[in-house]
Amino acid sequence: MAQDQNDPVIHRETGEVASVDAPAIVAFDFDGTLTVRDSFTAFLAWRAGPAAYRMGLLRLLPAAAAYLFHRDRGRIKAAAVSVFLRGVPRATLEADARRFADQHARSLFRPDALEAWRRWREEPVRLVIVTASPALTVAPFARALGADDLLGTELAFDAQDRVAGGFASPNCRGPEKMTRLKAQFGENLVLKAAYGDTGGDKEMLEAAETAGFRVFKDQP
C-alpha cells in the first residue's frame, strides 16, 4: 500500500523522523539494470564507427594493462573519455547523445525493468537513476523515462566548453552512489527501494528498504 504523503517518515537506520515533505526515493542503476549492456561503451562505439573504434581500443591498451594492477574503473573510463571524446564541444556531444538514445533505446532497455519503473511511477516516490556512466550521455534516456533525478559521473570541460578528457566528479560507483544520493536529498533520505546488478551498487542496495539485485532478466 502506498504511504500517505502526509504521514511522517521514519528513517530505517537512524530512527529519525524526516520532514513530511521529504520524498521517498527509488533508485535504479542504469547499465545492466535498466539496460542489457553498458550504454557508454555502446555510445562510444556508435559515435566513433567501427574502424575508429578499433583504433581507439588499441590506444587504450596501456590503460587496460594498468587496470590489471590498480583495478580502478574510473581511471580506465577516464582514459576512454580522453581517447574518444577529448576536444568534442559540449553541444555536439549532447546532440550525439540524443541521437544515440533515439536510435538505441528500444534495443537497450529491459522490458521487465521498464515495467518495474512504471509501477513505481504510480507511487508517491522520486525515481532516480544513479549511474557510473557520464550523466550527459544518460540524460536523454532519463528524460524519456521521466526520471525525477539523474546522478552520474560528470565529464570535465575546458574553457571553450570542450571535453577536457577526464571527469569533473568522482566515478559514481560503489560508496560514491550513496554519497551523491545524500548530497542531493540529505543525510536522512528515505531510500524505499534500489535496483542494481554489480558490486558497484552494493552500498546503495544495502541502504534500501527493498533491494533488487539482478532481478531484471528480460532481453529487448
N, C-alpha and C. Protein backbone atom coordinates (compact mmCIF):
# COMPACT_ATOMS: atom_id res chain seq x y z
N MET A 1 0.85 -1.20 0.00
CA MET A 1 0.00 0.00 0.00
C MET A 1 0.88 1.24 0.00
N ALA A 2 0.53 2.21 -0.81
CA ALA A 2 1.32 3.44 -0.89
C ALA A 2 1.16 4.24 0.40
N GLN A 3 2.27 4.83 0.84
CA GLN A 3 2.23 5.64 2.05
C GLN A 3 1.60 6.99 1.76
N ASP A 4 0.76 7.44 2.67
CA ASP A 4 0.17 8.77 2.52
C ASP A 4 1.28 9.81 2.61
N GLN A 5 1.27 10.79 1.72
CA GLN A 5 2.33 11.77 1.68
C GLN A 5 2.36 12.65 2.92
N ASN A 6 1.30 12.66 3.70
CA ASN A 6 1.27 13.48 4.91
C ASN A 6 1.76 12.71 6.14
N ASP A 7 1.97 11.39 6.00
CA ASP A 7 2.46 10.62 7.13
C ASP A 7 3.91 10.94 7.41
N PRO A 8 4.33 10.92 8.70
CA PRO A 8 5.75 11.11 8.99
C PRO A 8 6.55 9.93 8.48
N VAL A 9 7.80 10.19 8.07
CA VAL A 9 8.66 9.16 7.54
C VAL A 9 9.75 8.88 8.57
N ILE A 10 9.90 7.61 8.97
CA ILE A 10 10.92 7.22 9.92
C ILE A 10 12.07 6.58 9.14
N HIS A 11 13.27 7.17 9.29
CA HIS A 11 14.42 6.61 8.61
C HIS A 11 14.76 5.25 9.20
N ARG A 12 14.98 4.25 8.36
CA ARG A 12 15.13 2.88 8.81
C ARG A 12 16.33 2.70 9.73
N GLU A 13 17.48 3.34 9.41
CA GLU A 13 18.69 3.09 10.18
C GLU A 13 18.82 4.00 11.39
N THR A 14 18.49 5.28 11.25
CA THR A 14 18.71 6.23 12.34
C THR A 14 17.52 6.34 13.26
N GLY A 15 16.32 5.99 12.78
CA GLY A 15 15.12 6.16 13.58
C GLY A 15 14.64 7.59 13.65
N GLU A 16 15.31 8.50 12.93
CA GLU A 16 14.93 9.90 12.97
C GLU A 16 13.72 10.13 12.07
N VAL A 17 12.92 11.12 12.48
CA VAL A 17 11.75 11.48 11.69
C VAL A 17 12.16 12.49 10.64
N ALA A 18 11.95 12.14 9.39
CA ALA A 18 12.26 13.07 8.31
C ALA A 18 11.10 14.05 8.13
N SER A 19 11.37 15.12 7.43
CA SER A 19 10.32 16.08 7.12
C SER A 19 9.21 15.41 6.33
N VAL A 20 7.97 15.82 6.59
CA VAL A 20 6.85 15.22 5.86
C VAL A 20 6.96 15.54 4.37
N ASP A 21 7.77 16.55 4.03
CA ASP A 21 7.94 16.89 2.63
C ASP A 21 9.07 16.10 1.98
N ALA A 22 9.84 15.35 2.78
CA ALA A 22 10.95 14.59 2.24
C ALA A 22 10.42 13.46 1.37
N PRO A 23 10.85 13.38 0.13
CA PRO A 23 10.32 12.33 -0.73
C PRO A 23 10.98 10.99 -0.46
N ALA A 24 10.24 9.93 -0.63
CA ALA A 24 10.83 8.60 -0.63
C ALA A 24 11.50 8.41 -1.98
N ILE A 25 12.67 7.80 -1.96
CA ILE A 25 13.47 7.65 -3.17
C ILE A 25 13.46 6.20 -3.63
N VAL A 26 13.33 5.99 -4.92
CA VAL A 26 13.56 4.69 -5.55
C VAL A 26 14.68 4.89 -6.55
N ALA A 27 15.80 4.21 -6.33
CA ALA A 27 17.00 4.41 -7.13
C ALA A 27 17.24 3.22 -8.05
N PHE A 28 17.49 3.50 -9.30
CA PHE A 28 17.83 2.48 -10.29
C PHE A 28 19.24 2.74 -10.81
N ASP A 29 20.09 1.72 -10.74
CA ASP A 29 21.30 1.73 -11.55
C ASP A 29 20.86 1.70 -13.01
N PHE A 30 21.73 2.14 -13.91
CA PHE A 30 21.34 2.20 -15.31
C PHE A 30 21.89 1.01 -16.11
N ASP A 31 23.22 0.97 -16.29
CA ASP A 31 23.82 -0.04 -17.17
C ASP A 31 23.75 -1.43 -16.56
N GLY A 32 23.14 -2.36 -17.27
CA GLY A 32 22.99 -3.72 -16.79
C GLY A 32 21.77 -3.93 -15.94
N THR A 33 21.15 -2.86 -15.47
CA THR A 33 19.94 -2.96 -14.65
C THR A 33 18.74 -2.54 -15.48
N LEU A 34 18.66 -1.29 -15.84
CA LEU A 34 17.63 -0.86 -16.78
C LEU A 34 17.96 -1.30 -18.21
N THR A 35 19.26 -1.45 -18.50
CA THR A 35 19.67 -1.82 -19.85
C THR A 35 20.32 -3.20 -19.85
N VAL A 36 20.51 -3.74 -21.05
CA VAL A 36 21.10 -5.08 -21.17
C VAL A 36 22.62 -5.03 -21.24
N ARG A 37 23.21 -3.86 -21.49
CA ARG A 37 24.67 -3.76 -21.59
C ARG A 37 25.09 -2.34 -21.25
N ASP A 38 26.39 -2.15 -21.23
CA ASP A 38 26.95 -0.85 -20.89
C ASP A 38 26.63 0.17 -21.98
N SER A 39 25.88 1.18 -21.62
CA SER A 39 25.43 2.16 -22.62
C SER A 39 26.56 3.08 -23.07
N PHE A 40 27.51 3.37 -22.19
CA PHE A 40 28.58 4.30 -22.56
C PHE A 40 29.53 3.66 -23.58
N THR A 41 29.88 2.40 -23.36
CA THR A 41 30.70 1.70 -24.35
C THR A 41 29.99 1.63 -25.69
N ALA A 42 28.69 1.33 -25.64
CA ALA A 42 27.91 1.27 -26.88
C ALA A 42 27.87 2.64 -27.56
N PHE A 43 27.75 3.71 -26.77
CA PHE A 43 27.72 5.05 -27.33
C PHE A 43 29.06 5.39 -28.00
N LEU A 44 30.16 5.07 -27.34
CA LEU A 44 31.47 5.36 -27.91
C LEU A 44 31.67 4.60 -29.22
N ALA A 45 31.27 3.34 -29.26
CA ALA A 45 31.42 2.55 -30.47
C ALA A 45 30.55 3.10 -31.60
N TRP A 46 29.33 3.46 -31.27
CA TRP A 46 28.42 4.04 -32.27
C TRP A 46 28.94 5.36 -32.80
N ARG A 47 29.41 6.20 -31.92
CA ARG A 47 29.85 7.53 -32.34
C ARG A 47 31.12 7.47 -33.17
N ALA A 48 32.03 6.60 -32.80
CA ALA A 48 33.32 6.53 -33.50
C ALA A 48 33.20 5.82 -34.84
N GLY A 49 32.32 4.84 -34.93
CA GLY A 49 32.29 3.99 -36.12
C GLY A 49 33.27 2.84 -35.95
N PRO A 50 33.08 1.75 -36.71
CA PRO A 50 33.87 0.52 -36.48
C PRO A 50 35.38 0.72 -36.57
N ALA A 51 35.86 1.35 -37.62
CA ALA A 51 37.31 1.48 -37.80
C ALA A 51 37.94 2.35 -36.72
N ALA A 52 37.36 3.52 -36.48
CA ALA A 52 37.92 4.43 -35.48
C ALA A 52 37.79 3.84 -34.07
N TYR A 53 36.75 3.06 -33.84
CA TYR A 53 36.59 2.45 -32.52
C TYR A 53 37.69 1.42 -32.29
N ARG A 54 37.99 0.62 -33.31
CA ARG A 54 39.08 -0.36 -33.17
C ARG A 54 40.41 0.34 -32.91
N MET A 55 40.66 1.43 -33.61
CA MET A 55 41.90 2.17 -33.40
C MET A 55 41.94 2.75 -31.98
N GLY A 56 40.80 3.23 -31.52
CA GLY A 56 40.73 3.77 -30.17
C GLY A 56 41.02 2.70 -29.12
N LEU A 57 40.50 1.50 -29.35
CA LEU A 57 40.76 0.41 -28.41
C LEU A 57 42.25 0.07 -28.36
N LEU A 58 42.92 0.15 -29.49
CA LEU A 58 44.36 -0.08 -29.49
C LEU A 58 45.09 0.97 -28.66
N ARG A 59 44.63 2.22 -28.76
CA ARG A 59 45.25 3.28 -27.97
C ARG A 59 44.98 3.11 -26.48
N LEU A 60 43.92 2.37 -26.16
CA LEU A 60 43.58 2.15 -24.76
C LEU A 60 44.31 0.95 -24.13
N LEU A 61 45.09 0.23 -24.92
CA LEU A 61 45.75 -0.96 -24.39
C LEU A 61 46.63 -0.67 -23.18
N PRO A 62 47.42 0.42 -23.16
CA PRO A 62 48.21 0.69 -21.95
C PRO A 62 47.33 0.91 -20.71
N ALA A 63 46.21 1.63 -20.88
CA ALA A 63 45.31 1.85 -19.75
C ALA A 63 44.67 0.54 -19.31
N ALA A 64 44.35 -0.33 -20.28
CA ALA A 64 43.77 -1.62 -19.93
C ALA A 64 44.77 -2.48 -19.17
N ALA A 65 46.04 -2.43 -19.58
CA ALA A 65 47.08 -3.19 -18.88
C ALA A 65 47.26 -2.66 -17.45
N ALA A 66 47.23 -1.35 -17.30
CA ALA A 66 47.38 -0.75 -15.97
C ALA A 66 46.21 -1.12 -15.07
N TYR A 67 45.03 -1.28 -15.65
CA TYR A 67 43.86 -1.64 -14.86
C TYR A 67 44.03 -2.98 -14.16
N LEU A 68 44.81 -3.89 -14.75
CA LEU A 68 45.04 -5.19 -14.13
C LEU A 68 45.70 -5.06 -12.77
N PHE A 69 46.37 -3.92 -12.55
CA PHE A 69 47.06 -3.70 -11.28
C PHE A 69 46.26 -2.79 -10.34
N HIS A 70 45.73 -1.66 -10.87
CA HIS A 70 45.05 -0.72 -9.96
C HIS A 70 43.57 -1.02 -9.76
N ARG A 71 42.93 -1.71 -10.70
CA ARG A 71 41.52 -2.10 -10.61
C ARG A 71 40.59 -0.92 -10.35
N ASP A 72 40.95 0.22 -10.88
CA ASP A 72 40.15 1.43 -10.72
C ASP A 72 39.37 1.68 -12.01
N ARG A 73 38.08 1.36 -11.98
CA ARG A 73 37.27 1.50 -13.18
C ARG A 73 37.16 2.95 -13.63
N GLY A 74 37.19 3.88 -12.67
CA GLY A 74 37.13 5.28 -13.02
C GLY A 74 38.30 5.71 -13.87
N ARG A 75 39.49 5.18 -13.59
CA ARG A 75 40.68 5.56 -14.35
C ARG A 75 40.61 5.06 -15.79
N ILE A 76 40.18 3.84 -15.98
CA ILE A 76 40.12 3.33 -17.35
C ILE A 76 38.98 4.01 -18.13
N LYS A 77 37.91 4.35 -17.43
CA LYS A 77 36.82 5.08 -18.09
C LYS A 77 37.26 6.48 -18.49
N ALA A 78 38.03 7.15 -17.61
CA ALA A 78 38.56 8.47 -17.94
C ALA A 78 39.51 8.38 -19.13
N ALA A 79 40.28 7.29 -19.21
CA ALA A 79 41.16 7.11 -20.36
C ALA A 79 40.35 6.97 -21.65
N ALA A 80 39.22 6.26 -21.58
CA ALA A 80 38.36 6.12 -22.76
C ALA A 80 37.78 7.47 -23.17
N VAL A 81 37.40 8.28 -22.19
CA VAL A 81 36.91 9.63 -22.50
C VAL A 81 37.98 10.43 -23.22
N SER A 82 39.22 10.32 -22.75
CA SER A 82 40.31 11.06 -23.37
C SER A 82 40.55 10.60 -24.81
N VAL A 83 40.53 9.29 -25.03
CA VAL A 83 40.80 8.75 -26.36
C VAL A 83 39.68 9.08 -27.34
N PHE A 84 38.44 8.92 -26.91
CA PHE A 84 37.32 9.00 -27.86
C PHE A 84 36.62 10.36 -27.89
N LEU A 85 36.73 11.15 -26.83
CA LEU A 85 35.89 12.35 -26.76
C LEU A 85 36.66 13.66 -26.53
N ARG A 86 37.93 13.60 -26.24
CA ARG A 86 38.67 14.83 -25.95
C ARG A 86 38.51 15.84 -27.10
N GLY A 87 38.18 17.07 -26.72
CA GLY A 87 38.05 18.14 -27.69
C GLY A 87 36.67 18.30 -28.31
N VAL A 88 35.74 17.38 -28.02
CA VAL A 88 34.39 17.47 -28.58
C VAL A 88 33.62 18.56 -27.86
N PRO A 89 33.01 19.51 -28.58
CA PRO A 89 32.20 20.54 -27.91
C PRO A 89 31.02 19.92 -27.17
N ARG A 90 30.66 20.53 -26.04
CA ARG A 90 29.54 20.02 -25.25
C ARG A 90 28.27 19.92 -26.09
N ALA A 91 27.96 20.95 -26.87
CA ALA A 91 26.72 20.94 -27.65
C ALA A 91 26.70 19.79 -28.64
N THR A 92 27.85 19.50 -29.26
CA THR A 92 27.94 18.39 -30.20
C THR A 92 27.71 17.07 -29.49
N LEU A 93 28.32 16.91 -28.33
CA LEU A 93 28.18 15.66 -27.58
C LEU A 93 26.75 15.48 -27.11
N GLU A 94 26.11 16.54 -26.67
CA GLU A 94 24.71 16.44 -26.24
C GLU A 94 23.82 16.03 -27.40
N ALA A 95 24.06 16.62 -28.57
CA ALA A 95 23.26 16.26 -29.75
C ALA A 95 23.49 14.80 -30.14
N ASP A 96 24.75 14.36 -30.07
CA ASP A 96 25.05 12.96 -30.39
C ASP A 96 24.37 12.02 -29.39
N ALA A 97 24.38 12.40 -28.12
CA ALA A 97 23.75 11.56 -27.09
C ALA A 97 22.25 11.44 -27.34
N ARG A 98 21.62 12.53 -27.77
CA ARG A 98 20.19 12.48 -28.07
C ARG A 98 19.92 11.54 -29.24
N ARG A 99 20.74 11.62 -30.29
CA ARG A 99 20.54 10.75 -31.45
C ARG A 99 20.76 9.29 -31.08
N PHE A 100 21.77 9.04 -30.28
CA PHE A 100 22.04 7.66 -29.86
C PHE A 100 20.85 7.10 -29.07
N ALA A 101 20.33 7.87 -28.14
CA ALA A 101 19.20 7.41 -27.35
C ALA A 101 17.98 7.17 -28.23
N ASP A 102 17.73 8.07 -29.17
CA ASP A 102 16.59 7.90 -30.07
C ASP A 102 16.70 6.61 -30.87
N GLN A 103 17.90 6.28 -31.30
CA GLN A 103 18.10 5.13 -32.17
C GLN A 103 18.22 3.80 -31.40
N HIS A 104 18.66 3.85 -30.15
CA HIS A 104 19.04 2.60 -29.47
C HIS A 104 18.26 2.29 -28.20
N ALA A 105 17.38 3.17 -27.77
CA ALA A 105 16.66 2.91 -26.52
C ALA A 105 15.92 1.57 -26.57
N ARG A 106 15.26 1.31 -27.67
CA ARG A 106 14.46 0.09 -27.77
C ARG A 106 15.31 -1.16 -27.66
N SER A 107 16.54 -1.13 -28.17
CA SER A 107 17.40 -2.31 -28.13
C SER A 107 18.21 -2.41 -26.83
N LEU A 108 18.19 -1.36 -26.03
CA LEU A 108 18.96 -1.36 -24.78
C LEU A 108 18.13 -1.69 -23.54
N PHE A 109 16.90 -1.20 -23.47
CA PHE A 109 16.13 -1.32 -22.24
C PHE A 109 15.57 -2.73 -22.04
N ARG A 110 15.63 -3.17 -20.79
CA ARG A 110 15.00 -4.44 -20.41
C ARG A 110 13.50 -4.22 -20.19
N PRO A 111 12.65 -4.97 -20.86
CA PRO A 111 11.20 -4.77 -20.69
C PRO A 111 10.73 -4.94 -19.25
N ASP A 112 11.27 -5.92 -18.50
CA ASP A 112 10.80 -6.11 -17.12
C ASP A 112 11.28 -4.98 -16.22
N ALA A 113 12.44 -4.40 -16.53
CA ALA A 113 12.90 -3.24 -15.76
C ALA A 113 12.02 -2.03 -16.02
N LEU A 114 11.63 -1.85 -17.26
CA LEU A 114 10.73 -0.74 -17.59
C LEU A 114 9.38 -0.92 -16.91
N GLU A 115 8.91 -2.16 -16.81
CA GLU A 115 7.63 -2.42 -16.15
C GLU A 115 7.73 -2.06 -14.67
N ALA A 116 8.85 -2.41 -14.03
CA ALA A 116 9.04 -2.04 -12.62
C ALA A 116 9.10 -0.53 -12.47
N TRP A 117 9.77 0.13 -13.38
CA TRP A 117 9.85 1.60 -13.36
C TRP A 117 8.44 2.20 -13.44
N ARG A 118 7.64 1.68 -14.33
CA ARG A 118 6.27 2.21 -14.49
C ARG A 118 5.42 1.96 -13.26
N ARG A 119 5.60 0.81 -12.62
CA ARG A 119 4.84 0.54 -11.39
C ARG A 119 5.21 1.55 -10.31
N TRP A 120 6.49 1.81 -10.15
CA TRP A 120 6.91 2.80 -9.15
C TRP A 120 6.43 4.19 -9.51
N ARG A 121 6.28 4.46 -10.80
CA ARG A 121 5.81 5.78 -11.24
C ARG A 121 4.43 6.10 -10.69
N GLU A 122 3.65 5.07 -10.36
CA GLU A 122 2.32 5.25 -9.80
C GLU A 122 2.35 5.51 -8.30
N GLU A 123 3.51 5.37 -7.67
CA GLU A 123 3.64 5.56 -6.23
C GLU A 123 4.16 6.97 -5.92
N PRO A 124 3.95 7.45 -4.68
CA PRO A 124 4.43 8.78 -4.30
C PRO A 124 5.92 8.77 -3.95
N VAL A 125 6.74 8.53 -4.96
CA VAL A 125 8.19 8.44 -4.77
C VAL A 125 8.88 9.27 -5.86
N ARG A 126 10.17 9.56 -5.61
CA ARG A 126 11.01 10.16 -6.65
C ARG A 126 11.84 9.05 -7.28
N LEU A 127 11.75 8.93 -8.59
CA LEU A 127 12.51 7.92 -9.32
C LEU A 127 13.84 8.53 -9.76
N VAL A 128 14.93 7.90 -9.32
CA VAL A 128 16.27 8.45 -9.54
C VAL A 128 17.14 7.41 -10.23
N ILE A 129 17.81 7.81 -11.29
CA ILE A 129 18.83 6.98 -11.91
C ILE A 129 20.17 7.36 -11.32
N VAL A 130 20.89 6.36 -10.82
CA VAL A 130 22.21 6.59 -10.23
C VAL A 130 23.20 5.72 -11.00
N THR A 131 24.09 6.34 -11.75
CA THR A 131 24.90 5.59 -12.70
C THR A 131 26.35 6.03 -12.72
N ALA A 132 27.22 5.08 -13.00
CA ALA A 132 28.63 5.40 -13.17
C ALA A 132 28.90 5.98 -14.55
N SER A 133 27.99 5.81 -15.48
CA SER A 133 28.17 6.38 -16.82
C SER A 133 28.08 7.91 -16.75
N PRO A 134 28.65 8.60 -17.72
CA PRO A 134 28.53 10.06 -17.73
C PRO A 134 27.07 10.50 -17.75
N ALA A 135 26.74 11.43 -16.88
CA ALA A 135 25.36 11.91 -16.81
C ALA A 135 24.93 12.47 -18.16
N LEU A 136 25.85 13.10 -18.87
CA LEU A 136 25.48 13.73 -20.14
C LEU A 136 24.97 12.71 -21.15
N THR A 137 25.58 11.53 -21.21
CA THR A 137 25.15 10.54 -22.21
C THR A 137 23.91 9.78 -21.77
N VAL A 138 23.66 9.72 -20.47
CA VAL A 138 22.47 9.02 -19.97
C VAL A 138 21.25 9.95 -19.94
N ALA A 139 21.50 11.26 -19.94
CA ALA A 139 20.41 12.23 -19.78
C ALA A 139 19.26 12.06 -20.76
N PRO A 140 19.51 11.80 -22.06
CA PRO A 140 18.35 11.63 -22.96
C PRO A 140 17.48 10.43 -22.60
N PHE A 141 18.10 9.35 -22.14
CA PHE A 141 17.33 8.19 -21.69
C PHE A 141 16.51 8.55 -20.45
N ALA A 142 17.14 9.27 -19.52
CA ALA A 142 16.46 9.64 -18.29
C ALA A 142 15.26 10.53 -18.58
N ARG A 143 15.43 11.47 -19.49
CA ARG A 143 14.31 12.35 -19.86
C ARG A 143 13.17 11.54 -20.48
N ALA A 144 13.50 10.59 -21.34
CA ALA A 144 12.45 9.78 -21.98
C ALA A 144 11.69 8.94 -20.96
N LEU A 145 12.37 8.50 -19.92
CA LEU A 145 11.72 7.71 -18.87
C LEU A 145 10.92 8.57 -17.91
N GLY A 146 11.16 9.87 -17.90
CA GLY A 146 10.51 10.74 -16.93
C GLY A 146 11.15 10.66 -15.57
N ALA A 147 12.46 10.40 -15.52
CA ALA A 147 13.16 10.33 -14.24
C ALA A 147 13.07 11.67 -13.52
N ASP A 148 12.92 11.61 -12.21
CA ASP A 148 12.89 12.83 -11.41
C ASP A 148 14.27 13.41 -11.21
N ASP A 149 15.27 12.54 -11.15
CA ASP A 149 16.66 12.98 -10.96
C ASP A 149 17.59 12.01 -11.66
N LEU A 150 18.74 12.53 -12.06
CA LEU A 150 19.80 11.71 -12.64
C LEU A 150 21.10 12.07 -11.94
N LEU A 151 21.74 11.07 -11.34
CA LEU A 151 23.03 11.26 -10.70
C LEU A 151 24.03 10.37 -11.42
N GLY A 152 25.02 10.98 -12.05
CA GLY A 152 26.01 10.21 -12.80
C GLY A 152 27.37 10.84 -12.69
N THR A 153 28.34 10.24 -13.34
CA THR A 153 29.68 10.79 -13.37
C THR A 153 29.69 12.01 -14.29
N GLU A 154 30.33 13.08 -13.84
CA GLU A 154 30.31 14.33 -14.60
C GLU A 154 31.58 14.48 -15.42
N LEU A 155 31.42 14.74 -16.70
CA LEU A 155 32.55 14.99 -17.57
C LEU A 155 33.16 16.36 -17.27
N ALA A 156 34.47 16.47 -17.47
CA ALA A 156 35.16 17.76 -17.33
C ALA A 156 35.20 18.45 -18.69
N PHE A 157 34.99 19.76 -18.68
CA PHE A 157 35.05 20.56 -19.89
C PHE A 157 36.06 21.69 -19.70
N ASP A 158 36.71 22.09 -20.81
CA ASP A 158 37.70 23.15 -20.72
C ASP A 158 37.04 24.52 -20.87
N ALA A 159 37.85 25.55 -20.95
CA ALA A 159 37.34 26.92 -21.01
C ALA A 159 36.53 27.18 -22.28
N GLN A 160 36.76 26.39 -23.31
CA GLN A 160 36.00 26.53 -24.56
C GLN A 160 34.79 25.59 -24.59
N ASP A 161 34.46 25.01 -23.45
CA ASP A 161 33.32 24.09 -23.32
C ASP A 161 33.48 22.86 -24.20
N ARG A 162 34.71 22.36 -24.28
CA ARG A 162 35.00 21.13 -24.98
C ARG A 162 35.42 20.07 -23.95
N VAL A 163 35.20 18.81 -24.28
CA VAL A 163 35.57 17.72 -23.37
C VAL A 163 37.06 17.79 -23.08
N ALA A 164 37.40 17.86 -21.80
CA ALA A 164 38.80 18.01 -21.41
C ALA A 164 39.54 16.68 -21.35
N GLY A 165 38.80 15.58 -21.38
CA GLY A 165 39.46 14.28 -21.39
C GLY A 165 39.47 13.58 -20.05
N GLY A 166 38.63 13.98 -19.14
CA GLY A 166 38.55 13.34 -17.84
C GLY A 166 37.24 13.65 -17.17
N PHE A 167 37.19 13.52 -15.85
CA PHE A 167 35.95 13.73 -15.11
C PHE A 167 36.06 14.91 -14.17
N ALA A 168 34.92 15.56 -13.95
CA ALA A 168 34.83 16.68 -13.01
C ALA A 168 34.30 16.22 -11.66
N SER A 169 33.99 14.93 -11.53
CA SER A 169 33.48 14.38 -10.28
C SER A 169 34.06 12.99 -10.11
N PRO A 170 34.01 12.42 -8.90
CA PRO A 170 34.41 11.03 -8.74
C PRO A 170 33.51 10.11 -9.57
N ASN A 171 34.06 8.96 -9.93
CA ASN A 171 33.28 7.96 -10.63
C ASN A 171 32.10 7.55 -9.75
N CYS A 172 30.88 7.65 -10.27
CA CYS A 172 29.68 7.42 -9.46
C CYS A 172 29.41 5.92 -9.35
N ARG A 173 30.23 5.28 -8.53
CA ARG A 173 30.17 3.83 -8.36
C ARG A 173 30.49 3.49 -6.91
N GLY A 174 29.94 2.40 -6.42
CA GLY A 174 30.25 1.96 -5.06
C GLY A 174 29.76 2.96 -4.04
N PRO A 175 30.58 3.29 -3.03
CA PRO A 175 30.16 4.24 -1.99
C PRO A 175 29.77 5.60 -2.53
N GLU A 176 30.34 5.97 -3.69
CA GLU A 176 30.03 7.28 -4.26
C GLU A 176 28.54 7.41 -4.60
N LYS A 177 27.88 6.30 -4.89
CA LYS A 177 26.44 6.38 -5.20
C LYS A 177 25.66 6.90 -3.99
N MET A 178 25.97 6.39 -2.80
CA MET A 178 25.29 6.88 -1.60
C MET A 178 25.74 8.30 -1.26
N THR A 179 27.00 8.61 -1.50
CA THR A 179 27.47 9.99 -1.28
C THR A 179 26.68 10.97 -2.12
N ARG A 180 26.45 10.61 -3.37
CA ARG A 180 25.70 11.50 -4.27
C ARG A 180 24.24 11.59 -3.87
N LEU A 181 23.65 10.48 -3.47
CA LEU A 181 22.25 10.49 -3.05
C LEU A 181 22.07 11.37 -1.82
N LYS A 182 22.98 11.24 -0.85
CA LYS A 182 22.88 12.05 0.37
C LYS A 182 23.13 13.52 0.08
N ALA A 183 24.03 13.81 -0.84
CA ALA A 183 24.28 15.20 -1.21
C ALA A 183 23.05 15.82 -1.86
N GLN A 184 22.31 15.01 -2.60
CA GLN A 184 21.13 15.51 -3.30
C GLN A 184 19.91 15.60 -2.39
N PHE A 185 19.73 14.61 -1.50
CA PHE A 185 18.47 14.51 -0.75
C PHE A 185 18.64 14.61 0.76
N GLY A 186 19.87 14.74 1.25
CA GLY A 186 20.07 14.87 2.68
C GLY A 186 20.50 13.57 3.32
N GLU A 187 21.16 13.68 4.47
CA GLU A 187 21.68 12.52 5.16
C GLU A 187 20.58 11.54 5.58
N ASN A 188 19.38 12.05 5.84
CA ASN A 188 18.29 11.19 6.32
C ASN A 188 17.31 10.82 5.21
N LEU A 189 17.83 10.73 4.00
CA LEU A 189 16.95 10.37 2.89
C LEU A 189 16.32 9.00 3.14
N VAL A 190 15.14 8.82 2.62
CA VAL A 190 14.43 7.54 2.72
C VAL A 190 14.58 6.82 1.39
N LEU A 191 15.42 5.80 1.38
CA LEU A 191 15.64 5.03 0.16
C LEU A 191 14.71 3.82 0.20
N LYS A 192 13.55 4.01 -0.40
CA LYS A 192 12.49 3.00 -0.31
C LYS A 192 12.86 1.72 -1.06
N ALA A 193 13.53 1.87 -2.19
CA ALA A 193 13.95 0.70 -2.97
C ALA A 193 15.14 1.10 -3.82
N ALA A 194 15.96 0.10 -4.14
CA ALA A 194 17.09 0.30 -5.04
C ALA A 194 17.30 -0.96 -5.86
N TYR A 195 17.75 -0.76 -7.10
CA TYR A 195 17.99 -1.87 -8.01
C TYR A 195 19.38 -1.73 -8.62
N GLY A 196 20.10 -2.85 -8.68
CA GLY A 196 21.43 -2.83 -9.26
C GLY A 196 21.83 -4.22 -9.72
N ASP A 197 23.03 -4.29 -10.33
CA ASP A 197 23.44 -5.58 -10.89
C ASP A 197 24.91 -5.93 -10.65
N THR A 198 25.67 -5.05 -9.97
CA THR A 198 27.08 -5.33 -9.73
C THR A 198 27.47 -4.94 -8.31
N GLY A 199 28.73 -5.25 -7.96
CA GLY A 199 29.25 -4.82 -6.68
C GLY A 199 29.31 -3.32 -6.54
N GLY A 200 29.28 -2.61 -7.66
CA GLY A 200 29.27 -1.15 -7.62
C GLY A 200 27.97 -0.57 -7.10
N ASP A 201 26.96 -1.43 -6.90
CA ASP A 201 25.68 -0.99 -6.35
C ASP A 201 25.49 -1.43 -4.91
N LYS A 202 26.50 -2.07 -4.32
CA LYS A 202 26.37 -2.73 -3.02
C LYS A 202 25.88 -1.77 -1.93
N GLU A 203 26.54 -0.63 -1.79
CA GLU A 203 26.19 0.30 -0.71
C GLU A 203 24.78 0.85 -0.89
N MET A 204 24.40 1.12 -2.12
CA MET A 204 23.07 1.64 -2.39
C MET A 204 22.01 0.59 -2.08
N LEU A 205 22.28 -0.65 -2.43
CA LEU A 205 21.33 -1.72 -2.15
C LEU A 205 21.20 -1.97 -0.66
N GLU A 206 22.32 -1.91 0.06
CA GLU A 206 22.28 -2.16 1.49
C GLU A 206 21.51 -1.08 2.24
N ALA A 207 21.47 0.13 1.69
CA ALA A 207 20.78 1.24 2.35
C ALA A 207 19.28 1.25 2.07
N ALA A 208 18.83 0.43 1.13
CA ALA A 208 17.43 0.47 0.70
C ALA A 208 16.55 -0.44 1.54
N GLU A 209 15.31 -0.04 1.72
CA GLU A 209 14.33 -0.89 2.40
C GLU A 209 14.04 -2.14 1.58
N THR A 210 13.97 -1.98 0.27
CA THR A 210 13.79 -3.11 -0.65
C THR A 210 14.94 -3.08 -1.63
N ALA A 211 15.69 -4.17 -1.72
CA ALA A 211 16.85 -4.23 -2.61
C ALA A 211 16.62 -5.27 -3.69
N GLY A 212 16.81 -4.87 -4.93
CA GLY A 212 16.68 -5.78 -6.05
C GLY A 212 18.00 -5.94 -6.76
N PHE A 213 18.66 -7.09 -6.55
CA PHE A 213 19.95 -7.35 -7.18
C PHE A 213 19.77 -8.33 -8.33
N ARG A 214 20.04 -7.86 -9.51
CA ARG A 214 19.91 -8.68 -10.72
C ARG A 214 18.53 -9.32 -10.85
N VAL A 215 17.53 -8.54 -10.56
CA VAL A 215 16.16 -9.09 -10.62
C VAL A 215 15.56 -8.96 -12.01
N PHE A 216 16.16 -8.14 -12.87
CA PHE A 216 15.62 -7.96 -14.21
C PHE A 216 16.42 -8.82 -15.20
N LYS A 217 15.69 -9.62 -15.97
CA LYS A 217 16.34 -10.61 -16.82
C LYS A 217 15.96 -10.47 -18.30
N ASP A 218 14.88 -9.76 -18.59
CA ASP A 218 14.35 -9.74 -19.95
C ASP A 218 15.34 -9.15 -20.95
N GLN A 219 15.26 -9.66 -22.15
CA GLN A 219 16.01 -9.11 -23.29
C GLN A 219 15.03 -8.33 -24.17
N PRO A 220 15.49 -7.27 -24.81
CA PRO A 220 14.59 -6.49 -25.69
C PRO A 220 13.99 -7.34 -26.79
